[in-house]
Amino acid sequence: LSFTALVLLSFSGAIGLTFLMLGCALEDYGVYWPLFVLIFHAISPIPHFIAKRATYDSDATSSACRELAYFFTTGIVVSAFGFPVILARVAVIKWGACGLVLAGNAVIFLTIQGFFLVFGRGDDFSWEQW
């Protein structure tokens, strides 16, 4: 199960990055400003890791720390979707590139969420196996 899930998540991540690169590198677009959304992709799991580490000892189903992590993660994801729209609105990139970047964002964030759903649900999961 975990090997198949890992392969599928890797494939979907590659598809998302392909959309992102197409939005930057196609001949009609040729502007690489949308690559800054990779920063949002990289920092989006950080609030979850901090909240999981801080609330590790408590058995509460909901805590202020976890809710704050959801808030920050939501802000990061919304910013990742808003950034290409703002770039297209001020004519830095074209709207077609914006659409490809938004499609890439959707696929990549769904891949990140799938990774946490598949590999983060068990209590025996640890990063030491990687």
C-alpha atoms as a PDB file:
ATOM      1  CA  LEU A   1       0.000   0.000   0.000  1.00  0.00           C
ATOM      2  CA  SER A   2       2.651   2.534   0.929  1.00  0.00           C
ATOM      3  CA  PHE A   3       4.816   1.868  -2.148  1.00  0.00           C
ATOM      4  CA  THR A   4       1.863   2.240  -4.521  1.00  0.00           C
ATOM      5  CA  ALA A   5       0.707   5.366  -2.704  1.00  0.00           C
ATOM      6  CA  LEU A   6       4.218   6.808  -2.840  1.00  0.00           C
ATOM      7  CA  VAL A   7       4.443   6.171  -6.588  1.00  0.00           C
ATOM      8  CA  LEU A   8       1.015   7.736  -7.210  1.00  0.00           C
ATOM      9  CA  LEU A   9       1.842  10.763  -5.072  1.00  0.00           C
ATOM     10  CA  SER A  10       5.159  11.183  -6.880  1.00  0.00           C
ATOM     11  CA  PHE A  11       3.407  10.984 -10.231  1.00  0.00           C
ATOM     12  CA  SER A  12       0.789  13.549  -9.250  1.00  0.00           C
ATOM     13  CA  GLY A  13       3.489  15.870  -7.897  1.00  0.00           C
ATOM     14  CA  ALA A  14       5.319  15.600 -11.216  1.00  0.00           C
ATOM     15  CA  ILE A  15       2.099  16.437 -13.069  1.00  0.00           C
ATOM     16  CA  GLY A  16       1.601  19.526 -10.885  1.00  0.00           C
ATOM     17  CA  LEU A  17       5.170  20.689 -11.436  1.00  0.00           C
ATOM     18  CA  THR A  18       4.721  20.124 -15.175  1.00  0.00           C
ATOM     19  CA  PHE A  19       1.718  22.456 -15.193  1.00  0.00           C
ATOM     20  CA  LEU A  20       3.731  25.022 -13.267  1.00  0.00           C
ATOM     21  CA  MET A  21       6.677  24.792 -15.656  1.00  0.00           C
ATOM     22  CA  LEU A  22       4.398  24.983 -18.698  1.00  0.00           C
ATOM     23  CA  GLY A  23       2.923  28.182 -17.303  1.00  0.00           C
ATOM     24  CA  CYS A  24       6.418  29.629 -17.195  1.00  0.00           C
ATOM     25  CA  ALA A  25       8.293  28.171 -20.133  1.00  0.00           C
ATOM     26  CA  LEU A  26       5.878  27.981 -23.059  1.00  0.00           C
ATOM     27  CA  GLU A  27       6.878  30.236 -25.927  1.00  0.00           C
ATOM     28  CA  ASP A  28       3.815  32.469 -25.588  1.00  0.00           C
ATOM     29  CA  TYR A  29       4.433  33.036 -21.867  1.00  0.00           C
ATOM     30  CA  GLY A  30       8.197  32.948 -21.218  1.00  0.00           C
ATOM     31  CA  VAL A  31       8.111  34.701 -17.832  1.00  0.00           C
ATOM     32  CA  TYR A  32       9.365  32.862 -14.757  1.00  0.00           C
ATOM     33  CA  TRP A  33       7.756  34.971 -12.010  1.00  0.00           C
ATOM     34  CA  PRO A  34       5.161  32.248 -11.247  1.00  0.00           C
ATOM     35  CA  LEU A  35       7.943  30.001  -9.947  1.00  0.00           C
ATOM     36  CA  PHE A  36       7.761  31.964  -6.699  1.00  0.00           C
ATOM     37  CA  VAL A  37       4.732  29.820  -5.785  1.00  0.00           C
ATOM     38  CA  LEU A  38       7.244  27.057  -5.046  1.00  0.00           C
ATOM     39  CA  ILE A  39       8.035  28.964  -1.844  1.00  0.00           C
ATOM     40  CA  PHE A  40       4.384  28.583  -0.801  1.00  0.00           C
ATOM     41  CA  HIS A  41       4.507  24.863  -1.635  1.00  0.00           C
ATOM     42  CA  ALA A  42       7.604  24.437   0.505  1.00  0.00           C
ATOM     43  CA  ILE A  43       6.329  26.312   3.565  1.00  0.00           C
ATOM     44  CA  SER A  44       2.747  25.026   3.567  1.00  0.00           C
ATOM     45  CA  PRO A  45       3.459  21.905   5.703  1.00  0.00           C
ATOM     46  CA  ILE A  46       5.503  23.801   8.300  1.00  0.00           C
ATOM     47  CA  PRO A  47       2.559  24.960  10.492  1.00  0.00           C
ATOM     48  CA  HIS A  48       1.253  21.389  10.575  1.00  0.00           C
ATOM     49  CA  PHE A  49       4.638  20.044  11.704  1.00  0.00           C
ATOM     50  CA  ILE A  50       4.949  22.684  14.412  1.00  0.00           C
ATOM     51  CA  ALA A  51       1.414  22.069  15.694  1.00  0.00           C
ATOM     52  CA  LYS A  52       1.895  18.310  15.625  1.00  0.00           C
ATOM     53  CA  ARG A  53       5.096  18.641  17.613  1.00  0.00           C
ATOM     54  CA  ALA A  54       3.579  21.107  20.102  1.00  0.00           C
ATOM     55  CA  THR A  55       0.370  19.104  20.660  1.00  0.00           C
ATOM     56  CA  TYR A  56       2.042  15.692  20.656  1.00  0.00           C
ATOM     57  CA  ASP A  57       1.357  15.026  24.343  1.00  0.00           C
ATOM     58  CA  SER A  58      -2.259  16.161  24.435  1.00  0.00           C
ATOM     59  CA  ASP A  59      -5.105  13.896  23.400  1.00  0.00           C
ATOM     60  CA  ALA A  60      -7.512  16.741  22.702  1.00  0.00           C
ATOM     61  CA  THR A  61      -9.282  16.537  19.378  1.00  0.00           C
ATOM     62  CA  SER A  62      -8.961  20.278  18.892  1.00  0.00           C
ATOM     63  CA  SER A  63      -6.530  22.749  20.365  1.00  0.00           C
ATOM     64  CA  ALA A  64      -5.699  26.390  19.853  1.00  0.00           C
ATOM     65  CA  CYS A  65      -2.295  25.479  18.447  1.00  0.00           C
ATOM     66  CA  ARG A  66      -3.800  23.140  15.866  1.00  0.00           C
ATOM     67  CA  GLU A  67      -6.445  25.699  14.884  1.00  0.00           C
ATOM     68  CA  LEU A  68      -3.759  28.356  14.494  1.00  0.00           C
ATOM     69  CA  ALA A  69      -1.788  25.960  12.270  1.00  0.00           C
ATOM     70  CA  TYR A  70      -4.900  25.454  10.106  1.00  0.00           C
ATOM     71  CA  PHE A  71      -5.276  29.233   9.881  1.00  0.00           C
ATOM     72  CA  PHE A  72      -1.677  29.793   8.789  1.00  0.00           C
ATOM     73  CA  THR A  73      -1.801  26.897   6.324  1.00  0.00           C
ATOM     74  CA  THR A  74      -4.996  28.292   4.818  1.00  0.00           C
ATOM     75  CA  GLY A  75      -3.339  31.689   4.460  1.00  0.00           C
ATOM     76  CA  ILE A  76      -0.348  30.134   2.712  1.00  0.00           C
ATOM     77  CA  VAL A  77      -2.527  28.141   0.296  1.00  0.00           C
ATOM     78  CA  VAL A  78      -4.753  31.118  -0.510  1.00  0.00           C
ATOM     79  CA  SER A  79      -1.633  33.224  -1.117  1.00  0.00           C
ATOM     80  CA  ALA A  80      -0.303  30.602  -3.518  1.00  0.00           C
ATOM     81  CA  PHE A  81      -3.527  30.815  -5.519  1.00  0.00           C
ATOM     82  CA  GLY A  82      -3.716  34.599  -5.287  1.00  0.00           C
ATOM     83  CA  PHE A  83      -0.157  35.323  -6.384  1.00  0.00           C
ATOM     84  CA  PRO A  84      -0.537  34.242 -10.038  1.00  0.00           C
ATOM     85  CA  VAL A  85      -3.904  36.004 -10.258  1.00  0.00           C
ATOM     86  CA  ILE A  86      -2.288  39.250  -9.104  1.00  0.00           C
ATOM     87  CA  LEU A  87       0.571  38.757 -11.563  1.00  0.00           C
ATOM     88  CA  ALA A  88      -1.911  38.257 -14.394  1.00  0.00           C
ATOM     89  CA  ARG A  89      -4.026  41.214 -13.261  1.00  0.00           C
ATOM     90  CA  VAL A  90      -1.078  43.623 -13.456  1.00  0.00           C
ATOM     91  CA  ALA A  91      -0.048  42.080 -16.827  1.00  0.00           C
ATOM     92  CA  VAL A  92       3.239  40.611 -15.634  1.00  0.00           C
ATOM     93  CA  ILE A  93       2.107  37.197 -16.899  1.00  0.00           C
ATOM     94  CA  LYS A  94      -0.644  36.220 -19.330  1.00  0.00           C
ATOM     95  CA  TRP A  95      -3.943  34.740 -18.206  1.00  0.00           C
ATOM     96  CA  GLY A  96      -3.147  31.402 -19.881  1.00  0.00           C
ATOM     97  CA  ALA A  97      -0.009  31.115 -17.790  1.00  0.00           C
ATOM     98  CA  CYS A  98      -2.083  32.016 -14.739  1.00  0.00           C
ATOM     99  CA  GLY A  99      -4.487  29.171 -15.524  1.00  0.00           C
ATOM    100  CA  LEU A 100      -1.653  26.661 -15.862  1.00  0.00           C
ATOM    101  CA  VAL A 101      -0.082  27.816 -12.602  1.00  0.00           C
ATOM    102  CA  LEU A 102      -3.446  27.584 -10.810  1.00  0.00           C
ATOM    103  CA  ALA A 103      -3.935  24.050 -12.158  1.00  0.00           C
ATOM    104  CA  GLY A 104      -0.427  23.151 -10.984  1.00  0.00           C
ATOM    105  CA  ASN A 105      -1.161  24.638  -7.566  1.00  0.00           C
ATOM    106  CA  ALA A 106      -4.321  22.569  -7.214  1.00  0.00           C
ATOM    107  CA  VAL A 107      -2.542  19.341  -8.140  1.00  0.00           C
ATOM    108  CA  ILE A 108       0.478  20.011  -5.920  1.00  0.00           C
ATOM    109  CA  PHE A 109      -1.566  20.996  -2.860  1.00  0.00           C
ATOM    110  CA  LEU A 110      -3.803  17.944  -3.318  1.00  0.00           C
ATOM    111  CA  THR A 111      -0.633  15.851  -3.516  1.00  0.00           C
ATOM    112  CA  ILE A 112       0.660  17.376  -0.262  1.00  0.00           C
ATOM    113  CA  GLN A 113      -2.686  16.703   1.405  1.00  0.00           C
ATOM    114  CA  GLY A 114      -2.685  13.143   0.045  1.00  0.00           C
ATOM    115  CA  PHE A 115       0.777  12.588   1.471  1.00  0.00           C
ATOM    116  CA  PHE A 116      -0.410  13.604   4.940  1.00  0.00           C
ATOM    117  CA  LEU A 117      -3.550  11.486   4.650  1.00  0.00           C
ATOM    118  CA  VAL A 118      -1.681   8.375   3.513  1.00  0.00           C
ATOM    119  CA  PHE A 119       1.508   8.572   5.559  1.00  0.00           C
ATOM    120  CA  GLY A 120       0.543  10.704   8.535  1.00  0.00           C
ATOM    121  CA  ARG A 121      -2.503   8.913   9.941  1.00  0.00           C
ATOM    122  CA  GLY A 122      -0.789   6.199  11.955  1.00  0.00           C
ATOM    123  CA  ASP A 123       0.815   6.813  15.323  1.00  0.00           C
ATOM    124  CA  ASP A 124       3.752   4.614  14.375  1.00  0.00           C
ATOM    125  CA  PHE A 125       4.769   6.936  11.539  1.00  0.00           C
ATOM    126  CA  SER A 126       8.117   8.641  11.958  1.00  0.00           C
ATOM    127  CA  TRP A 127      10.452  10.480   9.629  1.00  0.00           C
ATOM    128  CA  GLU A 128      13.285   8.146  10.609  1.00  0.00           C
ATOM    129  CA  GLN A 129      12.162   5.571   8.061  1.00  0.00           C
ATOM    130  CA  TRP A 130      12.945   8.032   5.234  1.00  0.00           C
END
